[in-house]
Amino acid sequence: MGFFTELFNGRLHPIEEYAPKSEEYKNALKESGRLREALIDTLSQDQIGLLNIYMDTHTTAEGYFEEEIFRQAFLLGMEMQKEVE
């Protein structure tokens, strides 16, 4: 099956399959989790609820941003391909 068919049918998951594997990335994720837990330990239940809503909203916004970056990179790749041909 071709690349575009796989992509269109949702069989490719670049974010899940190609996440950075560097130690720096892994350490940053660990530290982020540690800091989040330390922050939660200092908050009331209402504040934790608000933090969770904030994190969900922020994650959604980041997803839109990353989606646009992917789209722009794809378009740039198509332009590069035209130059090569």
PDB file of N, CA and C in Angstrom:
ATOM      1  N   MET A   1       0.841  -1.175   0.000  1.00  0.00           N
ATOM      2  CA  MET A   1       0.000   0.000   0.000  1.00  0.00           C
ATOM      3  C   MET A   1       0.889   1.242   0.000  1.00  0.00           C
ATOM      4  N   GLY A   2       0.476   2.288  -0.711  1.00  0.00           N
ATOM      5  CA  GLY A   2       1.274   3.489  -0.824  1.00  0.00           C
ATOM      6  C   GLY A   2       1.238   4.374   0.408  1.00  0.00           C
ATOM      7  N   PHE A   3       2.187   5.252   0.462  1.00  0.00           N
ATOM      8  CA  PHE A   3       2.325   6.177   1.593  1.00  0.00           C
ATOM      9  C   PHE A   3       1.048   6.984   1.826  1.00  0.00           C
ATOM     10  N   PHE A   4       0.514   7.595   0.771  1.00  0.00           N
ATOM     11  CA  PHE A   4      -0.651   8.463   0.948  1.00  0.00           C
ATOM     12  C   PHE A   4      -1.894   7.675   1.353  1.00  0.00           C
ATOM     13  N   THR A   5      -2.016   6.455   0.861  1.00  0.00           N
ATOM     14  CA  THR A   5      -3.138   5.606   1.273  1.00  0.00           C
ATOM     15  C   THR A   5      -3.024   5.286   2.755  1.00  0.00           C
ATOM     16  N   GLU A   6      -1.812   4.934   3.175  1.00  0.00           N
ATOM     17  CA  GLU A   6      -1.586   4.644   4.592  1.00  0.00           C
ATOM     18  C   GLU A   6      -1.882   5.871   5.458  1.00  0.00           C
ATOM     19  N   LEU A   7      -1.407   7.033   5.025  1.00  0.00           N
ATOM     20  CA  LEU A   7      -1.631   8.268   5.765  1.00  0.00           C
ATOM     21  C   LEU A   7      -3.119   8.602   5.813  1.00  0.00           C
ATOM     22  N   PHE A   8      -3.783   8.532   4.671  1.00  0.00           N
ATOM     23  CA  PHE A   8      -5.210   8.867   4.581  1.00  0.00           C
ATOM     24  C   PHE A   8      -6.053   7.951   5.453  1.00  0.00           C
ATOM     25  N   ASN A   9      -5.722   6.683   5.475  1.00  0.00           N
ATOM     26  CA  ASN A   9      -6.510   5.704   6.224  1.00  0.00           C
ATOM     27  C   ASN A   9      -6.128   5.613   7.697  1.00  0.00           C
ATOM     28  N   GLY A  10      -5.256   6.499   8.135  1.00  0.00           N
ATOM     29  CA  GLY A  10      -4.930   6.566   9.553  1.00  0.00           C
ATOM     30  C   GLY A  10      -4.021   5.460  10.049  1.00  0.00           C
ATOM     31  N   ARG A  11      -3.274   4.849   9.152  1.00  0.00           N
ATOM     32  CA  ARG A  11      -2.367   3.777   9.561  1.00  0.00           C
ATOM     33  C   ARG A  11      -0.987   4.291   9.954  1.00  0.00           C
ATOM     34  N   LEU A  12      -0.709   5.537   9.671  1.00  0.00           N
ATOM     35  CA  LEU A  12       0.562   6.138  10.060  1.00  0.00           C
ATOM     36  C   LEU A  12       0.324   7.049  11.260  1.00  0.00           C
ATOM     37  N   HIS A  13       1.167   6.914  12.249  1.00  0.00           N
ATOM     38  CA  HIS A  13       1.049   7.706  13.476  1.00  0.00           C
ATOM     39  C   HIS A  13       2.409   8.295  13.808  1.00  0.00           C
ATOM     40  N   PRO A  14       2.849   9.319  13.044  1.00  0.00           N
ATOM     41  CA  PRO A  14       4.209   9.838  13.222  1.00  0.00           C
ATOM     42  C   PRO A  14       4.523  10.303  14.630  1.00  0.00           C
ATOM     43  N   ILE A  15       3.576  10.916  15.300  1.00  0.00           N
ATOM     44  CA  ILE A  15       3.872  11.432  16.647  1.00  0.00           C
ATOM     45  C   ILE A  15       4.158  10.277  17.593  1.00  0.00           C
ATOM     46  N   GLU A  16       3.389   9.204  17.488  1.00  0.00           N
ATOM     47  CA  GLU A  16       3.589   8.068  18.377  1.00  0.00           C
ATOM     48  C   GLU A  16       4.829   7.269  17.995  1.00  0.00           C
ATOM     49  N   GLU A  17       5.092   7.139  16.703  1.00  0.00           N
ATOM     50  CA  GLU A  17       6.168   6.277  16.237  1.00  0.00           C
ATOM     51  C   GLU A  17       7.521   6.973  16.172  1.00  0.00           C
ATOM     52  N   TYR A  18       7.515   8.288  16.017  1.00  0.00           N
ATOM     53  CA  TYR A  18       8.767   8.987  15.775  1.00  0.00           C
ATOM     54  C   TYR A  18       9.077  10.056  16.811  1.00  0.00           C
ATOM     55  N   ALA A  19       8.587   9.876  18.024  1.00  0.00           N
ATOM     56  CA  ALA A  19       8.918  10.817  19.095  1.00  0.00           C
ATOM     57  C   ALA A  19      10.424  10.782  19.323  1.00  0.00           C
ATOM     58  N   PRO A  20      10.989  11.894  19.743  1.00  0.00           N
ATOM     59  CA  PRO A  20      12.432  11.913  19.994  1.00  0.00           C
ATOM     60  C   PRO A  20      12.842  10.823  20.987  1.00  0.00           C
ATOM     61  N   LYS A  21      13.985  10.235  20.744  1.00  0.00           N
ATOM     62  CA  LYS A  21      14.478   9.176  21.611  1.00  0.00           C
ATOM     63  C   LYS A  21      15.727   9.606  22.383  1.00  0.00           C
ATOM     64  N   SER A  22      16.053  10.878  22.304  1.00  0.00           N
ATOM     65  CA  SER A  22      17.264  11.368  22.969  1.00  0.00           C
ATOM     66  C   SER A  22      17.088  11.372  24.485  1.00  0.00           C
ATOM     67  N   GLU A  23      18.211  11.301  25.166  1.00  0.00           N
ATOM     68  CA  GLU A  23      18.199  11.370  26.628  1.00  0.00           C
ATOM     69  C   GLU A  23      17.673  12.733  27.098  1.00  0.00           C
ATOM     70  N   GLU A  24      18.019  13.793  26.362  1.00  0.00           N
ATOM     71  CA  GLU A  24      17.540  15.131  26.731  1.00  0.00           C
ATOM     72  C   GLU A  24      16.017  15.175  26.732  1.00  0.00           C
ATOM     73  N   TYR A  25      15.407  14.594  25.705  1.00  0.00           N
ATOM     74  CA  TYR A  25      13.937  14.572  25.616  1.00  0.00           C
ATOM     75  C   TYR A  25      13.345  13.755  26.770  1.00  0.00           C
ATOM     76  N   LYS A  26      13.902  12.566  26.997  1.00  0.00           N
ATOM     77  CA  LYS A  26      13.400  11.714  28.074  1.00  0.00           C
ATOM     78  C   LYS A  26      13.545  12.401  29.426  1.00  0.00           C
ATOM     79  N   ASN A  27      14.678  13.056  29.644  1.00  0.00           N
ATOM     80  CA  ASN A  27      14.903  13.766  30.907  1.00  0.00           C
ATOM     81  C   ASN A  27      13.943  14.932  31.065  1.00  0.00           C
ATOM     82  N   ALA A  28      13.687  15.655  29.989  1.00  0.00           N
ATOM     83  CA  ALA A  28      12.754  16.785  30.048  1.00  0.00           C
ATOM     84  C   ALA A  28      11.345  16.293  30.397  1.00  0.00           C
ATOM     85  N   LEU A  29      10.921  15.176  29.818  1.00  0.00           N
ATOM     86  CA  LEU A  29       9.611  14.618  30.148  1.00  0.00           C
ATOM     87  C   LEU A  29       9.539  14.204  31.611  1.00  0.00           C
ATOM     88  N   LYS A  30      10.591  13.542  32.084  1.00  0.00           N
ATOM     89  CA  LYS A  30      10.636  13.119  33.489  1.00  0.00           C
ATOM     90  C   LYS A  30      10.553  14.317  34.423  1.00  0.00           C
ATOM     91  N   GLU A  31      11.348  15.345  34.116  1.00  0.00           N
ATOM     92  CA  GLU A  31      11.374  16.543  34.971  1.00  0.00           C
ATOM     93  C   GLU A  31      10.030  17.254  34.935  1.00  0.00           C
ATOM     94  N   SER A  32       9.425  17.316  33.779  1.00  0.00           N
ATOM     95  CA  SER A  32       8.110  17.936  33.657  1.00  0.00           C
ATOM     96  C   SER A  32       7.088  17.206  34.535  1.00  0.00           C
ATOM     97  N   GLY A  33       7.100  15.893  34.491  1.00  0.00           N
ATOM     98  CA  GLY A  33       6.192  15.105  35.331  1.00  0.00           C
ATOM     99  C   GLY A  33       6.457  15.303  36.803  1.00  0.00           C
ATOM    100  N   ARG A  34       7.731  15.341  37.163  1.00  0.00           N
ATOM    101  CA  ARG A  34       8.099  15.540  38.566  1.00  0.00           C
ATOM    102  C   ARG A  34       7.621  16.897  39.072  1.00  0.00           C
ATOM    103  N   LEU A  35       7.835  17.921  38.256  1.00  0.00           N
ATOM    104  CA  LEU A  35       7.414  19.267  38.649  1.00  0.00           C
ATOM    105  C   LEU A  35       5.897  19.374  38.743  1.00  0.00           C
ATOM    106  N   ARG A  36       5.193  18.722  37.812  1.00  0.00           N
ATOM    107  CA  ARG A  36       3.724  18.747  37.847  1.00  0.00           C
ATOM    108  C   ARG A  36       3.228  18.109  39.151  1.00  0.00           C
ATOM    109  N   GLU A  37       3.810  16.966  39.514  1.00  0.00           N
ATOM    110  CA  GLU A  37       3.409  16.302  40.758  1.00  0.00           C
ATOM    111  C   GLU A  37       3.732  17.158  41.984  1.00  0.00           C
ATOM    112  N   ALA A  38       4.886  17.812  41.971  1.00  0.00           N
ATOM    113  CA  ALA A  38       5.256  18.695  43.089  1.00  0.00           C
ATOM    114  C   ALA A  38       4.264  19.854  43.192  1.00  0.00           C
ATOM    115  N   LEU A  39       3.862  20.397  42.059  1.00  0.00           N
ATOM    116  CA  LEU A  39       2.879  21.493  42.057  1.00  0.00           C
ATOM    117  C   LEU A  39       1.537  21.002  42.580  1.00  0.00           C
ATOM    118  N   ILE A  40       1.084  19.854  42.106  1.00  0.00           N
ATOM    119  CA  ILE A  40      -0.210  19.309  42.533  1.00  0.00           C
ATOM    120  C   ILE A  40      -0.244  19.085  44.038  1.00  0.00           C
ATOM    121  N   ASP A  41       0.873  18.683  44.593  1.00  0.00           N
ATOM    122  CA  ASP A  41       0.937  18.454  46.041  1.00  0.00           C
ATOM    123  C   ASP A  41       0.679  19.722  46.854  1.00  0.00           C
ATOM    124  N   THR A  42       0.823  20.880  46.238  1.00  0.00           N
ATOM    125  CA  THR A  42       0.639  22.143  46.965  1.00  0.00           C
ATOM    126  C   THR A  42      -0.731  22.770  46.719  1.00  0.00           C
ATOM    127  N   LEU A  43      -1.556  22.152  45.857  1.00  0.00           N
ATOM    128  CA  LEU A  43      -2.821  22.768  45.438  1.00  0.00           C
ATOM    129  C   LEU A  43      -4.029  22.152  46.133  1.00  0.00           C
ATOM    130  N   SER A  44      -5.099  22.951  46.197  1.00  0.00           N
ATOM    131  CA  SER A  44      -6.387  22.441  46.684  1.00  0.00           C
ATOM    132  C   SER A  44      -7.048  21.655  45.552  1.00  0.00           C
ATOM    133  N   GLN A  45      -8.118  20.946  45.858  1.00  0.00           N
ATOM    134  CA  GLN A  45      -8.832  20.179  44.832  1.00  0.00           C
ATOM    135  C   GLN A  45      -9.362  21.079  43.719  1.00  0.00           C
ATOM    136  N   ASP A  46      -9.882  22.263  44.089  1.00  0.00           N
ATOM    137  CA  ASP A  46     -10.369  23.207  43.070  1.00  0.00           C
ATOM    138  C   ASP A  46      -9.231  23.676  42.171  1.00  0.00           C
ATOM    139  N   GLN A  47      -8.100  23.953  42.774  1.00  0.00           N
ATOM    140  CA  GLN A  47      -6.943  24.394  41.991  1.00  0.00           C
ATOM    141  C   GLN A  47      -6.423  23.280  41.080  1.00  0.00           C
ATOM    142  N   ILE A  48      -6.448  22.055  41.575  1.00  0.00           N
ATOM    143  CA  ILE A  48      -6.035  20.917  40.739  1.00  0.00           C
ATOM    144  C   ILE A  48      -6.974  20.787  39.545  1.00  0.00           C
ATOM    145  N   GLY A  49      -8.265  20.952  39.777  1.00  0.00           N
ATOM    146  CA  GLY A  49      -9.240  20.900  38.682  1.00  0.00           C
ATOM    147  C   GLY A  49      -8.957  21.978  37.653  1.00  0.00           C
ATOM    148  N   LEU A  50      -8.669  23.180  38.124  1.00  0.00           N
ATOM    149  CA  LEU A  50      -8.358  24.288  37.220  1.00  0.00           C
ATOM    150  C   LEU A  50      -7.064  24.021  36.452  1.00  0.00           C
ATOM    151  N   LEU A  51      -6.060  23.478  37.141  1.00  0.00           N
ATOM    152  CA  LEU A  51      -4.803  23.136  36.477  1.00  0.00           C
ATOM    153  C   LEU A  51      -5.048  22.098  35.378  1.00  0.00           C
ATOM    154  N   ASN A  52      -5.864  21.088  35.662  1.00  0.00           N
ATOM    155  CA  ASN A  52      -6.155  20.058  34.661  1.00  0.00           C
ATOM    156  C   ASN A  52      -6.868  20.638  33.444  1.00  0.00           C
ATOM    157  N   ILE A  53      -7.806  21.551  33.685  1.00  0.00           N
ATOM    158  CA  ILE A  53      -8.497  22.209  32.568  1.00  0.00           C
ATOM    159  C   ILE A  53      -7.490  23.020  31.755  1.00  0.00           C
ATOM    160  N   TYR A  54      -6.627  23.740  32.441  1.00  0.00           N
ATOM    161  CA  TYR A  54      -5.595  24.520  31.754  1.00  0.00           C
ATOM    162  C   TYR A  54      -4.708  23.609  30.912  1.00  0.00           C
ATOM    163  N   MET A  55      -4.234  22.512  31.513  1.00  0.00           N
ATOM    164  CA  MET A  55      -3.335  21.596  30.799  1.00  0.00           C
ATOM    165  C   MET A  55      -4.025  21.010  29.564  1.00  0.00           C
ATOM    166  N   ASP A  56      -5.303  20.627  29.700  1.00  0.00           N
ATOM    167  CA  ASP A  56      -6.045  20.092  28.552  1.00  0.00           C
ATOM    168  C   ASP A  56      -6.164  21.127  27.448  1.00  0.00           C
ATOM    169  N   THR A  57      -6.485  22.361  27.821  1.00  0.00           N
ATOM    170  CA  THR A  57      -6.637  23.436  26.841  1.00  0.00           C
ATOM    171  C   THR A  57      -5.304  23.744  26.170  1.00  0.00           C
ATOM    172  N   HIS A  58      -4.249  23.789  26.958  1.00  0.00           N
ATOM    173  CA  HIS A  58      -2.911  24.054  26.424  1.00  0.00           C
ATOM    174  C   HIS A  58      -2.485  22.940  25.461  1.00  0.00           C
ATOM    175  N   THR A  59      -2.746  21.706  25.848  1.00  0.00           N
ATOM    176  CA  THR A  59      -2.395  20.567  24.998  1.00  0.00           C
ATOM    177  C   THR A  59      -3.162  20.622  23.680  1.00  0.00           C
ATOM    178  N   THR A  60      -4.433  21.003  23.727  1.00  0.00           N
ATOM    179  CA  THR A  60      -5.230  21.138  22.506  1.00  0.00           C
ATOM    180  C   THR A  60      -4.647  22.220  21.612  1.00  0.00           C
ATOM    181  N   ALA A  61      -4.293  23.368  22.198  1.00  0.00           N
ATOM    182  CA  ALA A  61      -3.710  24.464  21.412  1.00  0.00           C
ATOM    183  C   ALA A  61      -2.381  24.028  20.797  1.00  0.00           C
ATOM    184  N   GLU A  62      -1.543  23.336  21.557  1.00  0.00           N
ATOM    185  CA  GLU A  62      -0.266  22.839  21.036  1.00  0.00           C
ATOM    186  C   GLU A  62      -0.488  21.863  19.883  1.00  0.00           C
ATOM    187  N   GLY A  63      -1.535  21.060  19.994  1.00  0.00           N
ATOM    188  CA  GLY A  63      -1.859  20.122  18.917  1.00  0.00           C
ATOM    189  C   GLY A  63      -2.174  20.851  17.619  1.00  0.00           C
ATOM    190  N   TYR A  64      -2.956  21.931  17.714  1.00  0.00           N
ATOM    191  CA  TYR A  64      -3.262  22.728  16.516  1.00  0.00           C
ATOM    192  C   TYR A  64      -1.987  23.331  15.934  1.00  0.00           C
ATOM    193  N   PHE A  65      -1.105  23.806  16.803  1.00  0.00           N
ATOM    194  CA  PHE A  65       0.154  24.391  16.370  1.00  0.00           C
ATOM    195  C   PHE A  65       1.012  23.343  15.651  1.00  0.00           C
ATOM    196  N   GLU A  66       1.153  22.170  16.249  1.00  0.00           N
ATOM    197  CA  GLU A  66       1.960  21.111  15.651  1.00  0.00           C
ATOM    198  C   GLU A  66       1.362  20.629  14.332  1.00  0.00           C
ATOM    199  N   GLU A  67       0.041  20.600  14.262  1.00  0.00           N
ATOM    200  CA  GLU A  67      -0.635  20.221  13.022  1.00  0.00           C
ATOM    201  C   GLU A  67      -0.280  21.197  11.902  1.00  0.00           C
ATOM    202  N   GLU A  68      -0.271  22.478  12.219  1.00  0.00           N
ATOM    203  CA  GLU A  68       0.072  23.490  11.216  1.00  0.00           C
ATOM    204  C   GLU A  68       1.546  23.398  10.824  1.00  0.00           C
ATOM    205  N   ILE A  69       2.412  23.140  11.778  1.00  0.00           N
ATOM    206  CA  ILE A  69       3.828  22.955  11.464  1.00  0.00           C
ATOM    207  C   ILE A  69       3.992  21.771  10.514  1.00  0.00           C
ATOM    208  N   PHE A  70       3.298  20.667  10.790  1.00  0.00           N
ATOM    209  CA  PHE A  70       3.371  19.502   9.920  1.00  0.00           C
ATOM    210  C   PHE A  70       2.896  19.863   8.513  1.00  0.00           C
ATOM    211  N   ARG A  71       1.788  20.569   8.423  1.00  0.00           N
ATOM    212  CA  ARG A  71       1.243  20.959   7.119  1.00  0.00           C
ATOM    213  C   ARG A  71       2.234  21.816   6.351  1.00  0.00           C
ATOM    214  N   GLN A  72       2.806  22.809   7.033  1.00  0.00           N
ATOM    215  CA  GLN A  72       3.763  23.692   6.373  1.00  0.00           C
ATOM    216  C   GLN A  72       5.018  22.930   5.942  1.00  0.00           C
ATOM    217  N   ALA A  73       5.502  22.023   6.787  1.00  0.00           N
ATOM    218  CA  ALA A  73       6.679  21.233   6.434  1.00  0.00           C
ATOM    219  C   ALA A  73       6.381  20.329   5.240  1.00  0.00           C
ATOM    220  N   PHE A  74       5.182  19.785   5.209  1.00  0.00           N
ATOM    221  CA  PHE A  74       4.786  18.942   4.082  1.00  0.00           C
ATOM    222  C   PHE A  74       4.763  19.761   2.792  1.00  0.00           C
ATOM    223  N   LEU A  75       4.187  20.955   2.857  1.00  0.00           N
ATOM    224  CA  LEU A  75       4.141  21.824   1.676  1.00  0.00           C
ATOM    225  C   LEU A  75       5.541  22.215   1.228  1.00  0.00           C
ATOM    226  N   LEU A  76       6.416  22.501   2.185  1.00  0.00           N
ATOM    227  CA  LEU A  76       7.805  22.810   1.835  1.00  0.00           C
ATOM    228  C   LEU A  76       8.480  21.611   1.170  1.00  0.00           C
ATOM    229  N   GLY A  77       8.196  20.434   1.667  1.00  0.00           N
ATOM    230  CA  GLY A  77       8.748  19.228   1.065  1.00  0.00           C
ATOM    231  C   GLY A  77       8.275  19.050  -0.368  1.00  0.00           C
ATOM    232  N   MET A  78       7.008  19.388  -0.619  1.00  0.00           N
ATOM    233  CA  MET A  78       6.482  19.296  -1.985  1.00  0.00           C
ATOM    234  C   MET A  78       7.175  20.308  -2.893  1.00  0.00           C
ATOM    235  N   GLU A  79       7.431  21.499  -2.366  1.00  0.00           N
ATOM    236  CA  GLU A  79       8.150  22.512  -3.145  1.00  0.00           C
ATOM    237  C   GLU A  79       9.580  22.054  -3.453  1.00  0.00           C
ATOM    238  N   MET A  80      10.215  21.423  -2.469  1.00  0.00           N
ATOM    239  CA  MET A  80      11.564  20.899  -2.676  1.00  0.00           C
ATOM    240  C   MET A  80      11.549  19.824  -3.768  1.00  0.00           C
ATOM    241  N   GLN A  81      10.523  18.981  -3.742  1.00  0.00           N
ATOM    242  CA  GLN A  81      10.412  17.920  -4.740  1.00  0.00           C
ATOM    243  C   GLN A  81      10.287  18.523  -6.149  1.00  0.00           C
ATOM    244  N   LYS A  82       9.524  19.588  -6.274  1.00  0.00           N
ATOM    245  CA  LYS A  82       9.374  20.261  -7.563  1.00  0.00           C
ATOM    246  C   LYS A  82      10.732  20.775  -8.071  1.00  0.00           C
ATOM    247  N   GLU A  83      11.547  21.297  -7.160  1.00  0.00           N
ATOM    248  CA  GLU A  83      12.859  21.808  -7.526  1.00  0.00           C
ATOM    249  C   GLU A  83      13.774  20.689  -8.029  1.00  0.00           C
ATOM    250  N   VAL A  84      13.634  19.517  -7.446  1.00  0.00           N
ATOM    251  CA  VAL A  84      14.475  18.382  -7.806  1.00  0.00           C
ATOM    252  C   VAL A  84      14.106  17.836  -9.183  1.00  0.00           C
ATOM    253  N   GLU A  85      12.834  17.881  -9.497  1.00  0.00           N
ATOM    254  CA  GLU A  85      12.362  17.312 -10.773  1.00  0.00           C
ATOM    255  C   GLU A  85      12.800  18.075 -11.950  1.00  0.00           C
TER     256      GLU A  85
END
